C-alpha cells in the first residue's frame, strides 16, 4: 500500500505545482486598460464617433482636461451641435472635466441626443453652449440624458426653450427623459422661450436629485429655473430652486399640466415671483 501511495503523492504534488504555475502566469498577464481620450477636440470627436459606430460605449476622458470645442461637428433638425449627435448608449466618464464651446466660436449647442440615443455624463461640466435655433443650449434631448456630478452652466438657447437642457415636445413615439443627480444647473439663459435652466416638454420626464437650480434666466418667457409644459412627470428631491429670473412670471418653476412632485426642495427668492401663474399650482411653492 505504501508503494501505491507514493506515486499518487508525487502526482498530486506535480498537479499542485502546475496549478500554481498556471495561476502565476495568469496573474502576470496585464489586463488591457481603456485608454483615456487625449485632451484635444479632434480626439473627443473621434472617440464619440467611434462609439456611435460600435453601437455604444464608454468614452473615458483625460482627468482634469477641458475639451474646448471650436466648431460644430453635427447638425440636427434644430441647428448645429458641438459634439456628434448621440444615437446609441454612450457614457462620457470624466474626472473634473469640462466640455465647453470656445468663447469666440460661432453659436452651437454642446450636444444633441436622438430618440435612439442614451447619453450619460459623469463628473463633467457642459458649458457655454449656444443653440442658434431651437432649444437646449447645453443639451437638446429627444432620448435619454443622465447627468451625475456634472454641472450644466452658462448655456444659452437663443430662439427656443431650455437654456441648459430641453426635453423636446414629443406628441408621439419615444418620450425624452432627463435625470440630474448631484449636478447643479446654473447661469443658463433662454433668450426667447421658457425654462431658463431646464425645459421639460410634452410627454417628457424630468428627475432632479441633490441638484440646485439657480441663477438661470428666461428673458422673454416663464420658468426662469424650470418650465414643465404638458410633461408626463417632473420630480425634485433635495434640489433648491432659487435666484432665477423670468420676465413673464414663475421665476422659479412654471407648470402647465402634468404630474409634479417636490420633496425638500425650497423654491425661494425667484423673480418675478416663484411659481405664480402655474396651472395647477406647483406643490409646496408660495408666491
Foldseek 3Di string as FASTA:
>chain_A
DVVVVVVVVVVVVVVVVVVVVVVVVVVPDDDDDDDAQPLELVSVQVVQVVQQVVQEDEHEHDEQHEYEQQEFDDADPQGTESHPEFQHEYEYAYHCYEYEYDPPHDAAAHYEYAQNGAYEYENYEYEHHERPGEDASHYEYAHEYEYENYEQEHAEYAHYEAQRYEQDADPDDRGYEYEYHNYEFEHGEYAAYEAQRYEAHAQYYYYYELYEFEHGEYNAYAARRYEYANYAEYEYENYEFEHGEYPVDQRGYAAEDHYYYYYNHHQDHGPPANYPPHVPGHPPGDD
